[in-house]
Protein backbone atom coordinates (compact mmCIF):
# COMPACT_ATOMS: atom_id res chain seq x y z
CA MET A 1 12.63 -10.02 0.69
CA ASN A 2 15.50 -7.80 1.75
CA PRO A 3 17.22 -8.47 5.09
CA PRO A 4 16.13 -6.31 8.04
CA THR A 5 17.49 -2.77 7.90
CA PRO A 6 18.41 -0.52 10.82
CA PRO A 7 15.43 1.29 12.34
CA THR A 8 14.61 4.54 10.57
CA PRO A 9 11.80 6.89 11.44
CA PRO A 10 8.92 6.81 8.98
CA THR A 11 7.80 9.81 7.04
CA PRO A 12 4.08 9.63 7.73
CA ARG A 13 1.27 11.27 5.90
CA ALA A 14 -0.19 14.33 7.57
CA PRO A 15 -3.23 13.63 9.75
CA ARG A 16 -6.12 14.14 7.32
CA VAL A 17 -9.21 13.21 9.31
CA ALA A 18 -11.54 13.39 6.31
CA SER A 19 -9.34 11.36 4.01
CA LEU A 20 -7.65 9.05 6.48
CA LEU A 21 -11.06 8.41 7.95
CA ALA A 22 -13.15 9.08 4.16
CA ALA A 23 -5.77 1.38 8.17
CA ALA A 24 16.16 -5.09 25.10
CA GLY A 25 13.98 -5.46 28.11
CA LEU A 26 12.40 -8.40 29.86
CA LEU A 27 8.94 -9.58 28.80
CA ALA A 28 6.12 -8.45 31.02
CA THR A 29 4.31 -11.61 29.93
CA ALA A 30 6.09 -14.07 27.67
CA LEU A 31 4.87 -14.91 24.17
CA PRO A 32 3.60 -18.25 22.87
CA LEU A 33 5.53 -20.99 21.16
CA LEU A 34 3.02 -23.39 19.65
CA SER A 35 2.45 -26.02 17.06
CA ALA A 36 -0.48 -25.44 14.72
CA THR A 37 -2.62 -27.88 16.70
CA GLN A 38 -1.77 -26.33 20.05
CA ALA A 39 -2.29 -22.82 18.72
CA ALA A 40 -5.79 -23.58 17.54
CA ALA A 41 -6.79 -25.41 20.71
CA ASP A 42 -5.17 -23.43 23.54
CA PRO A 43 -6.64 -19.97 24.11
CA ALA A 44 -3.98 -19.14 26.74
CA PRO A 45 -0.73 -20.45 25.26
CA ALA A 46 2.26 -21.54 27.26
CA PRO A 47 5.03 -18.92 27.45
CA VAL A 48 8.26 -18.84 25.52
CA ALA A 49 11.08 -18.22 27.97
CA ASP A 50 13.74 -17.54 25.37
CA TYR A 51 12.00 -14.81 23.36
CA GLN A 52 12.38 -11.38 24.90
CA PRO A 53 11.60 -8.37 22.71
CA GLN A 54 13.73 -5.33 23.41
CA LYS A 55 12.36 -2.19 24.96
CA PRO A 56 11.51 0.38 22.24
CA SER A 57 13.94 3.24 21.71
CA TRP A 58 11.57 6.09 20.91
CA GLN A 59 12.50 9.00 18.69
CA ARG A 60 10.62 11.77 16.93
CA CYS A 61 9.01 10.37 13.80
CA ASP A 62 9.51 13.36 11.56
CA ALA A 63 10.55 16.97 11.96
CA GLU A 64 7.39 18.09 10.20
CA GLN A 65 5.14 16.20 12.62
CA PRO A 66 4.46 17.03 16.28
CA ALA A 67 7.26 16.17 18.69
CA THR A 68 4.75 14.09 20.64
CA TYR A 69 4.49 11.69 17.70
CA GLU A 70 7.23 9.12 18.34
CA CYS A 71 8.44 6.07 16.42
CA ALA A 72 10.50 3.00 17.24
CA THR A 73 11.34 -0.41 15.83
CA ILE A 74 11.37 -3.70 17.71
CA LYS A 75 12.45 -7.13 16.50
CA VAL A 76 10.08 -10.09 16.46
CA PRO A 77 10.55 -13.67 15.26
CA LEU A 78 9.65 -14.38 11.67
CA ASP A 79 8.49 -17.81 12.90
CA TYR A 80 7.23 -17.85 16.48
CA ARG A 81 7.80 -21.59 16.61
CA ARG A 82 11.51 -20.80 16.32
CA PRO A 83 11.96 -17.63 18.38
CA GLU A 84 15.74 -17.98 18.31
CA GLY A 85 15.75 -17.84 14.50
CA ARG A 86 15.38 -15.03 12.01
CA ARG A 87 14.01 -11.74 13.31
CA ILE A 88 12.10 -9.10 11.38
CA ASP A 89 11.43 -5.43 12.05
CA LEU A 90 8.16 -4.24 13.52
CA ALA A 91 7.68 -0.49 13.22
CA ILE A 92 5.55 1.11 15.91
CA SER A 93 4.45 4.65 16.77
CA ARG A 94 2.80 6.40 19.67
CA ILE A 95 1.37 9.60 21.07
CA LYS A 96 1.23 9.39 24.84
CA SER A 97 -1.69 10.41 27.01
CA ARG A 98 -1.32 13.99 28.20
CA ASP A 99 -3.11 13.26 31.48
CA PRO A 100 -1.27 10.54 33.46
CA ALA A 101 -3.87 10.71 36.22
CA ARG A 102 -6.63 9.63 33.84
CA ARG A 103 -4.53 7.24 31.74
CA HIS A 104 -5.98 3.72 31.52
CA GLY A 105 -3.41 2.05 29.24
CA VAL A 106 -2.52 1.74 25.57
CA LEU A 107 -4.84 1.69 22.57
CA LEU A 108 -3.39 -0.23 19.65
CA MET A 109 -4.89 0.49 16.23
CA ASN A 110 -5.10 -1.22 12.84
CA PRO A 111 -6.65 0.23 9.64
CA GLY A 112 -7.45 -3.00 7.79
CA GLY A 113 -6.30 -4.34 4.46
CA PRO A 114 -4.82 -6.84 4.96
CA GLY A 115 -1.84 -4.76 3.97
CA GLY A 116 -2.70 -1.34 5.40
CA SER A 117 -0.09 0.79 7.15
CA GLY A 118 -1.13 1.92 10.61
CA LEU A 119 1.83 4.03 11.71
CA ASP A 120 -0.01 7.32 11.31
CA LEU A 121 -3.25 6.27 13.00
CA PRO A 122 -2.21 7.92 16.30
CA LEU A 123 -2.14 11.25 14.46
CA MET A 124 -5.68 10.70 13.22
CA ALA A 125 -7.05 9.57 16.55
CA ASP A 126 -5.24 12.29 18.49
CA THR A 127 -7.17 14.98 16.63
CA SER A 128 -10.47 13.11 16.30
CA MET A 129 -11.20 11.52 19.67
CA PRO A 130 -13.13 13.45 22.28
CA GLN A 131 -10.85 14.51 25.12
CA GLU A 132 -12.46 12.29 27.74
CA VAL A 133 -11.52 9.28 25.61
CA ARG A 134 -8.21 10.60 24.33
CA ASP A 135 -6.80 11.22 27.85
CA ARG A 136 -7.17 7.59 28.80
CA TYR A 137 -4.75 6.10 26.28
CA ASP A 138 -1.33 6.14 24.81
CA LEU A 139 -2.23 5.82 21.12
CA ILE A 140 -0.18 3.09 19.43
CA GLY A 141 0.14 2.53 15.70
CA PHE A 142 2.10 -0.09 13.83
CA ASP A 143 2.89 -1.41 10.40
CA PRO A 144 1.91 -5.08 10.34
CA ARG A 145 4.61 -7.55 9.27
CA GLY A 146 5.31 -7.30 5.57
CA VAL A 147 3.96 -3.75 5.35
CA GLY A 148 5.71 -0.39 5.12
CA ARG A 149 8.51 -0.07 7.68
CA SER A 150 7.96 -3.63 8.92
CA ASN A 151 10.06 -5.35 6.26
CA ALA A 152 7.74 -4.65 3.34
CA ILE A 153 7.40 -7.55 0.92
CA THR A 154 6.74 -7.61 -2.80
CA CYS A 155 5.74 -10.19 -5.36
CA GLY A 156 6.97 -8.11 -8.29
CA LEU A 157 3.49 -7.97 -9.80
CA THR A 158 2.60 -5.84 -12.78
CA GLU A 159 -0.32 -3.45 -12.67
CA SER A 160 -2.49 -5.95 -14.53
CA GLU A 161 -1.48 -8.79 -12.22
CA GLN A 162 -2.54 -6.80 -9.18
CA ASN A 163 -6.14 -6.62 -10.39
CA PHE A 164 -8.44 -9.47 -9.36
CA ASP A 165 -11.71 -8.07 -10.77
CA ARG A 166 -11.83 -10.71 -13.53
CA ALA A 167 -15.12 -11.47 -15.16
CA TYR A 168 -15.92 -15.08 -15.94
CA ARG A 169 -16.15 -15.86 -19.63
CA PRO A 170 -15.63 -19.39 -20.95
CA GLU A 171 -13.29 -18.16 -23.68
CA THR A 172 -10.99 -16.30 -21.25
CA TYR A 173 -11.09 -18.64 -18.26
CA ALA A 174 -7.83 -20.41 -19.15
CA ALA A 175 -6.10 -17.02 -19.12
CA ASP A 176 -7.60 -16.28 -15.71
CA VAL A 177 -6.28 -19.59 -14.36
CA ALA A 178 -2.87 -18.69 -15.77
CA TRP A 179 -3.06 -15.30 -14.04
CA ALA A 180 -3.87 -16.88 -10.66
CA ARG A 181 -1.02 -19.37 -11.02
CA THR A 182 1.38 -16.62 -12.10
CA VAL A 183 0.59 -14.48 -9.05
CA ALA A 184 1.14 -17.44 -6.71
CA ASP A 185 4.37 -18.40 -8.50
CA LYS A 186 5.74 -14.85 -8.48
CA CYS A 187 4.98 -14.44 -4.79
CA ARG A 188 6.65 -17.76 -4.02
CA GLU A 189 9.71 -16.79 -6.05
CA LYS A 190 10.05 -13.26 -4.66
CA ALA A 191 9.12 -13.76 -1.00
CA GLY A 192 8.58 -17.47 -0.48
CA ASP A 193 10.76 -17.51 2.63
CA VAL A 194 8.53 -14.94 4.32
CA LEU A 195 4.99 -15.30 2.96
CA PRO A 196 4.06 -18.41 4.99
CA TYR A 197 4.53 -16.35 8.15
CA VAL A 198 2.57 -13.28 7.05
CA THR A 199 -0.73 -14.40 8.55
CA THR A 200 -3.32 -13.08 10.93
CA ARG A 201 -2.22 -15.37 13.75
CA ASN A 202 1.37 -14.16 13.51
CA THR A 203 0.26 -10.53 13.34
CA ALA A 204 -1.78 -11.16 16.49
CA ARG A 205 1.40 -12.51 18.11
CA ASP A 206 3.15 -9.34 16.96
CA MET A 207 0.44 -7.30 18.67
CA ASP A 208 1.18 -9.16 21.87
CA ALA A 209 4.90 -8.52 21.35
CA ILE A 210 4.09 -4.80 21.19
CA ARG A 211 2.05 -5.07 24.38
CA ALA A 212 4.93 -6.85 26.12
CA ALA A 213 7.57 -4.43 24.83
CA LEU A 214 5.49 -1.54 26.18
CA GLY A 215 5.36 -3.22 29.59
CA GLU A 216 1.58 -3.44 29.61
CA ARG A 217 -0.38 -6.24 31.24
CA LYS A 218 -3.28 -5.81 28.80
CA VAL A 219 -3.93 -4.00 25.54
CA SER A 220 -6.96 -2.08 24.27
CA TYR A 221 -7.61 -1.99 20.56
CA LEU A 222 -9.40 -0.18 17.75
CA GLY A 223 -9.50 -2.18 14.52
CA TYR A 224 -11.25 -1.42 11.27
CA SER A 225 -12.35 -3.83 8.55
CA TYR A 226 -9.72 -6.61 8.29
CA GLY A 227 -8.53 -5.22 11.61
CA THR A 228 -11.74 -6.57 13.16
CA TYR A 229 -10.74 -10.11 12.24
CA LEU A 230 -7.21 -9.48 13.52
CA GLY A 231 -8.68 -8.22 16.78
CA ALA A 232 -11.05 -11.17 17.04
CA VAL A 233 -8.17 -13.61 16.57
CA TYR A 234 -6.22 -11.79 19.29
CA THR A 235 -9.11 -12.21 21.73
CA GLN A 236 -9.05 -15.96 21.12
CA MET A 237 -5.26 -16.38 21.34
CA PHE A 238 -4.73 -13.97 24.24
CA PRO A 239 -8.02 -13.64 26.12
CA ARG A 240 -6.37 -12.68 29.44
CA ARG A 241 -4.52 -9.83 27.74
CA THR A 242 -7.59 -8.42 25.98
CA ASP A 243 -8.90 -5.16 27.43
CA ARG A 244 -11.27 -2.72 25.69
CA PHE A 245 -11.70 -3.78 22.06
CA VAL A 246 -13.67 -1.89 19.40
CA LEU A 247 -14.09 -3.85 16.15
CA ASP A 248 -15.42 -1.48 13.50
CA SER A 249 -16.88 -2.75 10.18
CA GLY A 250 -16.74 -6.43 10.84
CA VAL A 251 -15.31 -9.39 8.98
CA ASP A 252 -17.35 -12.55 9.57
CA PRO A 253 -14.88 -15.24 10.76
CA GLN A 254 -17.07 -17.91 9.21
CA ARG A 255 -16.54 -16.31 5.80
CA ALA A 256 -12.75 -15.92 6.01
CA TRP A 257 -11.69 -15.68 3.35
CA ARG A 258 -13.36 -16.78 0.13
CA GLY A 259 -16.75 -16.04 1.59
CA MET A 260 -15.74 -12.44 2.29
CA LEU A 261 -15.13 -11.95 -1.42
CA GLN A 262 -18.39 -13.65 -2.31
CA VAL A 263 -20.39 -11.52 0.11
CA TRP A 264 -19.45 -8.52 -2.02
CA ALA A 265 -21.56 -10.10 -4.76
CA THR A 266 -24.57 -11.11 -2.69
CA GLU A 267 -24.82 -7.76 -0.92
CA ALA A 268 -24.21 -5.66 -4.02
CA GLU A 269 -27.65 -6.71 -5.28
CA PRO A 270 -29.73 -5.04 -2.52
CA ALA A 271 -27.43 -2.02 -2.67
CA PHE A 272 -28.03 -1.76 -6.41
CA ALA A 273 -31.79 -2.00 -5.89
CA ARG A 274 -31.62 0.74 -3.26
CA TRP A 275 -29.67 2.88 -5.72
CA THR A 276 -32.37 2.50 -8.39
CA ARG A 277 -35.02 3.57 -5.86
CA TRP A 278 -32.95 6.60 -4.88
CA THR A 279 -32.22 7.59 -8.47
CA ALA A 280 -35.68 7.24 -10.02
CA PRO A 281 -37.22 10.35 -8.36
CA ARG A 282 -34.20 12.34 -9.57
CA ASP A 283 -34.58 11.72 -13.29
CA GLY A 284 -34.61 15.45 -13.93
CA GLU A 285 -31.04 15.60 -12.67
CA PHE A 286 -29.56 12.30 -13.87
CA HIS A 287 -31.79 11.27 -16.81
CA LEU A 288 -31.58 7.57 -16.00
CA GLY A 289 -35.27 6.72 -15.71
CA THR A 290 -38.33 7.65 -13.71
CA THR A 291 -38.88 4.25 -12.07
CA PRO A 292 -36.46 1.84 -10.39
CA GLN A 293 -37.07 -0.63 -13.21
CA ALA A 294 -36.23 1.99 -15.83
CA VAL A 295 -33.04 3.00 -13.98
CA SER A 296 -31.99 -0.64 -13.85
CA ARG A 297 -32.65 -1.09 -17.57
CA THR A 298 -30.58 2.00 -18.36
CA PHE A 299 -27.65 0.62 -16.39
CA TRP A 300 -27.74 -2.85 -17.92
CA ASP A 301 -28.16 -1.40 -21.41
CA LEU A 302 -24.98 0.58 -20.80
CA VAL A 303 -23.17 -2.56 -19.65
CA ALA A 304 -24.29 -4.45 -22.76
CA ARG A 305 -23.34 -1.52 -25.00
CA ALA A 306 -19.88 -1.27 -23.37
CA ASP A 307 -19.31 -5.00 -23.85
CA ARG A 308 -20.01 -4.61 -27.57
CA ASP A 309 -18.21 -1.30 -27.99
CA PRO A 310 -16.31 0.16 -25.01
CA ILE A 311 -17.47 3.54 -23.77
CA VAL A 312 -14.77 6.20 -23.89
CA LEU A 313 -14.66 8.41 -20.81
CA ASP A 314 -11.83 10.92 -20.42
CA GLY A 315 -9.84 9.06 -23.07
CA GLN A 316 -10.17 5.66 -21.39
CA LYS A 317 -12.11 2.76 -22.83
CA LEU A 318 -14.49 1.09 -20.38
CA SER A 319 -16.01 -2.34 -20.97
CA GLY A 320 -19.15 -3.61 -19.36
CA ASP A 321 -16.96 -5.63 -16.99
CA ASP A 322 -15.14 -2.45 -15.97
CA ILE A 323 -18.47 -0.90 -15.09
CA ARG A 324 -19.69 -3.93 -13.14
CA ALA A 325 -16.42 -3.98 -11.17
CA ALA A 326 -17.58 -0.73 -9.54
CA ARG A 327 -20.13 -2.72 -7.52
CA GLY A 328 -19.07 -1.00 -4.28
CA LEU A 329 -20.13 2.36 -5.69
CA PHE A 330 -23.80 1.48 -5.48
CA PHE A 331 -23.65 1.56 -1.68
CA TYR A 332 -23.34 5.35 -2.19
CA PRO A 333 -26.32 6.36 -4.35
CA ALA A 334 -25.38 10.03 -4.56
CA ARG A 335 -22.05 9.09 -6.13
CA ALA A 336 -23.18 6.22 -8.32
CA ALA A 337 -25.86 8.25 -10.08
CA PRO A 338 -23.50 10.94 -11.47
CA LEU A 339 -21.10 8.27 -12.72
CA VAL A 340 -23.77 6.28 -14.53
CA SER A 341 -25.20 9.53 -15.91
CA ALA A 342 -21.75 10.47 -17.24
CA LEU A 343 -21.35 7.03 -18.81
CA LYS A 344 -24.72 7.38 -20.50
CA ALA A 345 -23.81 10.80 -21.87
CA ALA A 346 -20.45 9.51 -23.12
CA ALA A 347 -22.13 6.53 -24.80
CA GLU A 348 -24.54 8.89 -26.57
CA GLY A 349 -21.81 11.30 -27.61
CA LYS A 350 -23.26 14.10 -25.47
CA PRO A 351 -21.44 16.55 -23.19
CA LEU A 352 -20.87 15.23 -19.71
CA PRO A 353 -23.35 16.54 -17.12
CA ALA A 354 -22.23 19.09 -14.56
CA GLY A 355 -20.57 17.66 -11.47
CA PRO A 356 -17.37 15.75 -10.81
CA SER A 357 -14.88 15.67 -13.67
CA ALA A 358 -14.49 12.60 -15.84
CA GLY A 359 -11.08 11.98 -14.25
CA GLU A 360 -12.58 12.05 -10.77
CA LEU A 361 -15.32 9.67 -11.84
CA LEU A 362 -12.81 7.30 -13.41
CA LYS A 363 -10.91 7.01 -10.14
CA THR A 364 -13.98 5.37 -8.65
CA LEU A 365 -13.79 2.74 -11.40
CA ARG A 366 -10.04 2.37 -11.70
CA PRO A 367 -8.11 3.40 -8.57
CA GLU A 368 -4.51 4.18 -9.33
CA PRO A 369 -2.43 1.13 -8.39
CA GLY A 370 0.56 1.61 -6.14
CA PRO A 371 3.43 -0.67 -5.22
CA ASP A 372 2.32 -4.27 -4.87
CA THR A 373 3.16 -4.61 -1.16
CA GLY A 374 -0.48 -4.29 -0.17
CA VAL A 375 -1.50 -6.87 -2.76
CA ALA A 376 1.29 -9.26 -1.70
CA VAL A 377 0.24 -9.03 1.95
CA PHE A 378 -3.41 -9.37 1.00
CA TRP A 379 -2.88 -12.68 -0.79
CA SER A 380 -0.45 -13.90 1.86
CA VAL A 381 -3.07 -13.42 4.57
CA VAL A 382 -6.23 -14.51 2.81
CA CYS A 383 -4.52 -17.56 1.30
CA GLY A 384 -2.36 -18.37 4.33
CA ASP A 385 -4.98 -18.02 7.07
CA THR A 386 -7.10 -20.99 6.00
CA ASP A 387 -6.93 -24.16 3.95
CA ALA A 388 -10.56 -23.81 2.89
CA TRP A 389 -9.78 -22.51 -0.60
CA PRO A 390 -10.69 -25.00 -3.36
CA ARG A 391 -7.70 -26.38 -5.24
CA ASP A 392 -9.54 -27.47 -8.38
CA PRO A 393 -9.92 -24.72 -11.04
CA GLU A 394 -13.08 -26.43 -12.28
CA ARG A 395 -14.75 -25.69 -8.95
CA TYR A 396 -14.13 -21.99 -9.46
CA ARG A 397 -15.40 -22.21 -13.03
CA ARG A 398 -18.68 -23.77 -11.93
CA ASP A 399 -19.16 -21.32 -9.07
CA ALA A 400 -18.39 -18.32 -11.27
CA ALA A 401 -20.82 -19.37 -13.99
CA GLN A 402 -23.55 -20.02 -11.42
CA ASP A 403 -22.99 -16.80 -9.48
CA LYS A 404 -22.94 -14.72 -12.65
CA ARG A 405 -26.56 -15.75 -13.10
CA ARG A 406 -27.50 -15.37 -9.43
CA TYR A 407 -25.72 -12.07 -8.75
CA PRO A 408 -25.23 -10.38 -12.12
CA LEU A 409 -23.46 -7.28 -10.86
CA TYR A 410 -20.40 -8.97 -9.35
CA GLY A 411 -21.08 -12.67 -8.78
CA ASP A 412 -18.67 -14.07 -11.34
CA MET A 413 -15.84 -11.78 -10.29
CA ALA A 414 -16.28 -12.77 -6.65
CA SER A 415 -16.32 -16.53 -7.26
CA THR A 416 -13.87 -17.01 -10.08
CA ILE A 417 -10.32 -18.37 -9.75
CA LYS A 418 -7.95 -16.72 -7.25
CA PRO A 419 -4.22 -17.20 -6.53
CA CYS A 420 -5.14 -19.09 -3.34
CA ALA A 421 -5.95 -22.10 -5.54
CA PHE A 422 -2.19 -22.43 -6.14
CA TRP A 423 -0.86 -21.14 -2.80
CA GLN A 424 1.14 -23.35 -0.48
CA ARG A 425 -0.74 -25.03 2.36
CA PRO A 426 -1.05 -22.91 5.51
CA LEU A 427 1.26 -23.66 8.42
CA GLU A 428 -1.57 -23.29 10.95
CA ALA A 429 -5.25 -23.99 11.15
CA ALA A 430 -7.73 -21.12 11.17
CA THR A 431 -8.60 -19.71 14.58
CA PRO A 432 -11.86 -21.01 16.07
CA MET A 433 -14.02 -18.43 17.83
CA LYS A 434 -14.75 -20.37 21.03
CA THR A 435 -13.61 -18.12 23.86
CA ARG A 436 -15.90 -15.45 25.27
CA ALA A 437 -14.93 -11.97 24.08
CA ASP A 438 -16.53 -8.96 25.78
CA VAL A 439 -15.87 -6.53 22.94
CA LEU A 440 -17.83 -3.87 21.07
CA THR A 441 -18.57 -4.32 17.37
CA VAL A 442 -19.66 -1.35 15.25
CA GLN A 443 -21.35 -1.38 11.85
CA ASN A 444 -22.92 0.85 9.23
CA GLU A 445 -26.06 -0.50 7.57
CA TRP A 446 -24.69 0.24 4.09
CA ASP A 447 -21.04 -0.79 4.12
CA SER A 448 -19.60 -1.87 0.77
CA GLN A 449 -16.50 -3.77 1.92
CA THR A 450 -17.75 -5.52 5.06
CA PRO A 451 -21.52 -5.52 4.48
CA LEU A 452 -24.04 -5.68 7.28
CA VAL A 453 -24.41 -9.47 7.15
CA SER A 454 -20.66 -9.75 7.67
CA GLY A 455 -20.69 -7.45 10.68
CA GLN A 456 -23.60 -9.40 12.13
CA GLY A 457 -21.61 -12.61 11.61
CA LEU A 458 -18.68 -11.21 13.60
CA HIS A 459 -21.02 -10.23 16.41
CA ARG A 460 -22.55 -13.72 16.53
CA ALA A 461 -19.14 -15.38 16.46
CA LEU A 462 -17.81 -13.46 19.47
CA LYS A 463 -19.80 -14.62 22.45
CA GLY A 464 -20.21 -11.80 24.94
CA SER A 465 -19.86 -9.03 22.36
CA ARG A 466 -22.25 -6.14 21.90
CA MET A 467 -23.08 -4.53 18.58
CA VAL A 468 -23.73 -0.89 17.69
CA LEU A 469 -25.57 -0.62 14.37
CA ALA A 470 -26.02 2.72 12.61
CA LEU A 471 -29.15 2.40 10.47
CA GLY A 472 -28.86 4.53 7.36
CA GLY A 473 -25.12 4.71 7.85
CA GLU A 474 -23.13 4.64 4.61
CA GLY A 475 -19.44 3.99 4.24
CA HIS A 476 -16.70 1.67 5.32
CA GLY A 477 -15.53 2.64 8.79
CA VAL A 478 -17.82 4.23 11.37
CA TYR A 479 -16.12 5.44 14.56
CA LEU A 480 -14.19 8.67 13.92
CA ALA A 481 -14.86 8.24 10.19
CA ASP A 482 -18.20 10.04 10.36
CA PRO A 483 -18.36 12.71 13.08
CA GLY A 484 -22.15 12.79 12.74
CA SER A 485 -22.73 9.04 13.18
CA CYS A 486 -25.13 8.03 15.91
CA ALA A 487 -22.70 5.17 16.71
CA ASN A 488 -20.02 7.48 18.09
CA ALA A 489 -21.61 8.11 21.49
CA PRO A 490 -21.83 4.46 22.63
CA VAL A 491 -18.29 3.80 21.36
CA ASN A 492 -16.94 6.80 23.24
CA ALA A 493 -18.75 5.71 26.40
CA TYR A 494 -17.25 2.21 26.18
CA LEU A 495 -13.70 3.40 25.51
CA ALA A 496 -13.91 5.91 28.35
CA SER A 497 -15.45 3.61 30.97
CA GLY A 498 -14.77 0.04 29.84
CA ARG A 499 -18.44 -0.79 30.34
CA LEU A 500 -20.23 -2.46 27.43
CA PRO A 501 -23.81 -1.46 26.68
CA ALA A 502 -26.30 -3.65 28.54
CA ALA A 503 -27.71 -4.77 25.19
CA ASP A 504 -27.06 -4.27 21.50
CA VAL A 505 -27.57 -0.69 20.34
CA THR A 506 -29.44 0.20 17.15
CA CYS A 507 -29.55 3.87 16.29
CA ARG A 508 -30.54 5.78 13.19
CA ASN A 509 -28.47 8.46 11.54
CA GLU A 510 -30.32 11.66 10.88
CA PRO A 511 -30.91 12.18 7.13
CA GLY A 512 -28.49 15.09 7.12
CA ALA A 513 -25.81 12.86 8.67
CA ALA A 514 -25.51 10.78 5.48
CA ARG A 515 -22.82 13.15 4.28
CA ARG A 516 -20.61 10.39 3.05
CA GLY A 517 -23.20 9.56 0.45
CA THR A 518 -21.29 11.96 -1.77
CA GLY A 519 -18.83 9.18 -2.47
CA PRO A 520 -17.03 6.09 -1.30
CA GLN A 521 -14.21 7.33 0.84
CA ARG A 522 -11.16 5.45 2.07
CA PRO A 523 -11.76 6.52 5.68
CA LEU A 524 -8.46 4.99 6.78
CA PRO A 525 -5.22 4.37 4.91
CA PHE A 526 -6.49 1.23 3.21
CA PRO A 527 -4.25 -0.06 0.46
CA VAL A 528 -5.15 0.86 -3.09
CA ALA A 529 -6.49 -1.53 -5.71
CA PRO A 530 -7.66 -4.19 -5.55
CA GLN A 531 -10.52 -3.23 -3.29
CA ARG A 532 -10.04 -4.89 0.06
CA PHE A 533 -11.28 -5.04 3.62
């Protein structure tokens, strides 16, 4: 990793609601200095007297963006156990409330990942929130440590090494083990002095550093996907500094992190069955079968055919494993059906049906990979947050073979070997969810990345929380991501008043509100492949 560079304003993406939503002053309250044991056990850590983050020096982020959109960089310890040691940059942004009389405080935001940049989230929220909510907050974005302007890290991974959708086959398993070891070795070689500290607990400490640098006694928060787990950890580490928290599209703390990959396999099965039921009455349009059973047979015949002889779509060869890796697509029936129909036509040598182009369809199967920063941060967090990952490659082999039978769409890919098998041991224990957290969790019924059972697990783990569930809701990310969602009203009411609903809220989206069924969007700036939280 390169040494910290002088603060420079980011050049953010323009605020695209559909696509972004389709992730040296005195401390107001000092930050914690803890051993791993203390950190896990003490929900209100003792202060660190000798760590004092500087007051942000705000400047306009970019001449092409509104002057109200400001950026700054503060320094935080790489290792909070040694606050006098190496510092790293933490890039932050804000758009202040325009109504000081109604201002309640600051709203910090995170888009998920792990590895997503959040600097431009204030732009998104500024144009998407209803005014009665917007007036109450200074909107605060940040790049988590290791991401973007916050000392971005890299493992130097090739495009192939970034992909973890690896099907289990006995004859290729040794190569998969070699891949997992190579990723861990490359990350250790390239950024081994930093990776042990790129964890959820340290990012939560960074959030509290932002709160302190802003001079706020408490912080409110809007976190999506992985950001829900980050927010949950903050509530446990800093309960007296937790204000109004909205955790949207929840990560189940009990599944962090191998279980969050495996839940993609278990929950893809009911989503696939729902897709077959949706597609069967539309055989005249998609020609995939008139019954759910026939639609399923058509799909699996295509997978078998592609395994024998890859299907060529838009000049690219697709194996059956490539097709199965699109498991998240089946949470969006209106998008999955055209893709499978196009694959069927290509396999039969027929013209592609009308609709999205082959190139557009391929992007749903093979997202264009970017720099490996997001991947490096992803593995650093999911491997470094917990020591629960098996270390024996044979365990992964057995699990993958078993889950390929149980969950044929994605089971083997979810359970097979991962770089965490060869990662260094975490410096801290995982965070127990023991302290009451009066927060609001939000969930779509059909979420591909953090499925419903995961969101329900987060709600159960956080005692005192309330849950808003949008039945019929499709897509990853609810609040502000879908303007028509029935979940928006209770979230707006909570953010405006600070009062949680008296009980959990279950609402149903109107049929016309399922607009996002046209395709899996990245509603926030989630990192590109591999698919993440």
